[in-house]
């Protein structure tokens, strides 16, 4: 704290509908998510966070079968790391002295 990188995940899916009822897919077939819309709306200081270069290493689309059921169950599980680029202090904006490289989209 305050400059470390933090492991995060976002998991999306349904506990009610199986893969035959709901076909879950990756947006634009990408294995990652972006903050592009937020940055465009608010400007370059919109977020003090970046996704680090060691983010999104796995395919987020998971299909599981359970002993109770023959149907597949799908989820999107995005695993990533975030790190703070800067923080505000009493003296103003302070840049992260140990900032990792930013995740590069394909």
C-alpha atoms as a PDB file:
ATOM      1  CA  UNK A   1       0.000   0.000   0.000  1.00  0.00           C
ATOM      2  CA  UNK A   2      -0.412   2.421  -1.653  1.00  0.00           C
ATOM      3  CA  UNK A   3       1.562   1.440  -4.782  1.00  0.00           C
ATOM      4  CA  UNK A   4       1.152  -2.350  -4.923  1.00  0.00           C
ATOM      5  CA  UNK A   5      -0.692  -4.271  -7.595  1.00  0.00           C
ATOM      6  CA  UNK A   6      -3.897  -6.063  -6.684  1.00  0.00           C
ATOM      7  CA  UNK A   7      -5.386  -9.304  -8.009  1.00  0.00           C
ATOM      8  CA  UNK A   8      -8.973  -8.833  -9.172  1.00  0.00           C
ATOM      9  CA  UNK A   9     -11.638 -10.750 -11.037  1.00  0.00           C
ATOM     10  CA  UNK A  10     -15.056 -10.227 -12.515  1.00  0.00           C
ATOM     11  CA  UNK A  11     -17.202 -13.305 -13.036  1.00  0.00           C
ATOM     12  CA  UNK A  12     -20.404 -13.143 -15.078  1.00  0.00           C
ATOM     13  CA  UNK A  13     -22.842 -15.928 -15.748  1.00  0.00           C
ATOM     14  CA  UNK A  14     -26.163 -17.409 -14.745  1.00  0.00           C
ATOM     15  CA  UNK A  15     -27.074 -19.843 -11.980  1.00  0.00           C
ATOM     16  CA  UNK A  16     -30.501 -20.325 -13.537  1.00  0.00           C
ATOM     17  CA  UNK A  17     -29.983 -20.711 -17.275  1.00  0.00           C
ATOM     18  CA  UNK A  18     -27.728 -23.370 -18.760  1.00  0.00           C
ATOM     19  CA  UNK A  19     -25.573 -23.032 -21.871  1.00  0.00           C
ATOM     20  CA  UNK A  20     -28.387 -24.364 -24.087  1.00  0.00           C
ATOM     21  CA  UNK A  21     -30.673 -21.531 -22.969  1.00  0.00           C
ATOM     22  CA  UNK A  22     -28.123 -18.708 -22.816  1.00  0.00           C
ATOM     23  CA  UNK A  23     -25.142 -18.596 -25.164  1.00  0.00           C
ATOM     24  CA  UNK A  24     -22.549 -16.537 -23.333  1.00  0.00           C
ATOM     25  CA  UNK A  25     -19.812 -15.066 -25.566  1.00  0.00           C
ATOM     26  CA  UNK A  26     -16.872 -12.691 -25.233  1.00  0.00           C
ATOM     27  CA  UNK A  27     -17.467  -9.144 -26.479  1.00  0.00           C
ATOM     28  CA  UNK A  28     -15.803  -8.786 -29.882  1.00  0.00           C
ATOM     29  CA  UNK A  29     -14.141 -12.157 -29.111  1.00  0.00           C
ATOM     30  CA  UNK A  30     -11.608 -10.440 -26.817  1.00  0.00           C
ATOM     31  CA  UNK A  31     -10.031 -12.118 -23.779  1.00  0.00           C
ATOM     32  CA  UNK A  32      -9.889  -8.795 -21.900  1.00  0.00           C
ATOM     33  CA  UNK A  33     -11.964  -5.821 -20.828  1.00  0.00           C
ATOM     34  CA  UNK A  34     -10.992  -2.159 -21.189  1.00  0.00           C
ATOM     35  CA  UNK A  35     -11.529   1.190 -19.505  1.00  0.00           C
ATOM     36  CA  UNK A  36     -11.648   2.912 -22.898  1.00  0.00           C
ATOM     37  CA  UNK A  37     -15.228   4.193 -22.605  1.00  0.00           C
ATOM     38  CA  UNK A  38     -14.524   5.714 -19.203  1.00  0.00           C
ATOM     39  CA  UNK A  39     -11.330   7.388 -20.418  1.00  0.00           C
ATOM     40  CA  UNK A  40     -13.097   8.861 -23.459  1.00  0.00           C
ATOM     41  CA  UNK A  41     -15.959  10.284 -21.406  1.00  0.00           C
ATOM     42  CA  UNK A  42     -13.968  11.852 -18.591  1.00  0.00           C
ATOM     43  CA  UNK A  43     -10.441  12.380 -19.941  1.00  0.00           C
ATOM     44  CA  UNK A  44      -6.973  11.002 -19.256  1.00  0.00           C
ATOM     45  CA  UNK A  45      -7.265  11.458 -15.478  1.00  0.00           C
ATOM     46  CA  UNK A  46     -10.589   9.586 -15.343  1.00  0.00           C
ATOM     47  CA  UNK A  47      -9.100   6.668 -13.494  1.00  0.00           C
ATOM     48  CA  UNK A  48      -6.013   6.471 -11.357  1.00  0.00           C
ATOM     49  CA  UNK A  49      -5.817   2.717 -12.105  1.00  0.00           C
ATOM     50  CA  UNK A  50      -4.255   0.685 -14.902  1.00  0.00           C
ATOM     51  CA  UNK A  51      -4.504  -2.965 -15.793  1.00  0.00           C
ATOM     52  CA  UNK A  52      -0.928  -4.256 -15.447  1.00  0.00           C
ATOM     53  CA  UNK A  53       0.916  -6.230 -18.132  1.00  0.00           C
ATOM     54  CA  UNK A  54       0.395  -9.508 -16.255  1.00  0.00           C
ATOM     55  CA  UNK A  55      -3.405  -9.270 -16.614  1.00  0.00           C
ATOM     56  CA  UNK A  56      -5.817 -11.311 -18.731  1.00  0.00           C
ATOM     57  CA  UNK A  57      -3.511 -14.318 -19.244  1.00  0.00           C
ATOM     58  CA  UNK A  58      -6.340 -16.882 -19.449  1.00  0.00           C
ATOM     59  CA  UNK A  59      -9.326 -17.426 -21.699  1.00  0.00           C
ATOM     60  CA  UNK A  60     -12.217 -15.996 -19.649  1.00  0.00           C
ATOM     61  CA  UNK A  61     -14.915 -18.219 -21.188  1.00  0.00           C
ATOM     62  CA  UNK A  62     -15.481 -21.251 -18.984  1.00  0.00           C
ATOM     63  CA  UNK A  63     -17.864 -24.142 -19.591  1.00  0.00           C
ATOM     64  CA  UNK A  64     -18.603 -26.513 -16.725  1.00  0.00           C
ATOM     65  CA  UNK A  65     -20.662 -29.650 -16.311  1.00  0.00           C
ATOM     66  CA  UNK A  66     -22.048 -30.655 -12.932  1.00  0.00           C
ATOM     67  CA  UNK A  67     -22.911 -34.180 -11.635  1.00  0.00           C
ATOM     68  CA  UNK A  68     -26.585 -33.233 -11.325  1.00  0.00           C
ATOM     69  CA  UNK A  69     -27.097 -32.055 -14.872  1.00  0.00           C
ATOM     70  CA  UNK A  70     -26.273 -32.949 -18.475  1.00  0.00           C
ATOM     71  CA  UNK A  71     -26.347 -29.328 -19.636  1.00  0.00           C
ATOM     72  CA  UNK A  72     -23.264 -27.086 -19.866  1.00  0.00           C
ATOM     73  CA  UNK A  73     -23.031 -23.987 -17.664  1.00  0.00           C
ATOM     74  CA  UNK A  74     -21.017 -21.053 -18.951  1.00  0.00           C
ATOM     75  CA  UNK A  75     -19.373 -18.080 -17.288  1.00  0.00           C
ATOM     76  CA  UNK A  76     -16.977 -15.305 -18.202  1.00  0.00           C
ATOM     77  CA  UNK A  77     -14.259 -14.975 -15.580  1.00  0.00           C
ATOM     78  CA  UNK A  78     -11.863 -12.096 -16.223  1.00  0.00           C
ATOM     79  CA  UNK A  79      -8.752 -12.200 -14.005  1.00  0.00           C
ATOM     80  CA  UNK A  80      -6.550  -9.126 -13.934  1.00  0.00           C
ATOM     81  CA  UNK A  81      -4.278  -6.960 -11.837  1.00  0.00           C
ATOM     82  CA  UNK A  82      -4.693  -3.253 -11.210  1.00  0.00           C
ATOM     83  CA  UNK A  83      -2.196  -0.713  -9.988  1.00  0.00           C
ATOM     84  CA  UNK A  84      -2.561   2.926  -9.053  1.00  0.00           C
ATOM     85  CA  UNK A  85      -0.913   5.399 -11.493  1.00  0.00           C
ATOM     86  CA  UNK A  86      -1.154   8.357  -9.137  1.00  0.00           C
ATOM     87  CA  UNK A  87      -2.749   9.564  -5.950  1.00  0.00           C
ATOM     88  CA  UNK A  88      -3.742  12.921  -4.568  1.00  0.00           C
ATOM     89  CA  UNK A  89      -1.961  14.118  -1.434  1.00  0.00           C
ATOM     90  CA  UNK A  90      -1.874  17.390   0.472  1.00  0.00           C
ATOM     91  CA  UNK A  91       0.997  18.413  -1.840  1.00  0.00           C
ATOM     92  CA  UNK A  92      -0.914  17.579  -5.025  1.00  0.00           C
ATOM     93  CA  UNK A  93      -0.695  14.696  -7.469  1.00  0.00           C
ATOM     94  CA  UNK A  94       1.943  12.089  -6.631  1.00  0.00           C
ATOM     95  CA  UNK A  95       3.005   9.626  -9.353  1.00  0.00           C
ATOM     96  CA  UNK A  96       3.628   5.956  -8.622  1.00  0.00           C
ATOM     97  CA  UNK A  97       7.417   5.427  -8.344  1.00  0.00           C
ATOM     98  CA  UNK A  98       7.156   1.690  -9.110  1.00  0.00           C
ATOM     99  CA  UNK A  99       4.504   1.632 -11.842  1.00  0.00           C
ATOM    100  CA  UNK A 100       4.416  -1.593 -13.863  1.00  0.00           C
ATOM    101  CA  UNK A 101       3.916  -1.658 -17.603  1.00  0.00           C
ATOM    102  CA  UNK A 102       0.356  -1.221 -18.756  1.00  0.00           C
ATOM    103  CA  UNK A 103      -1.573  -4.126 -20.305  1.00  0.00           C
ATOM    104  CA  UNK A 104      -1.446  -3.863 -24.100  1.00  0.00           C
ATOM    105  CA  UNK A 105      -4.551  -4.775 -26.027  1.00  0.00           C
ATOM    106  CA  UNK A 106      -4.158  -7.068 -29.007  1.00  0.00           C
END
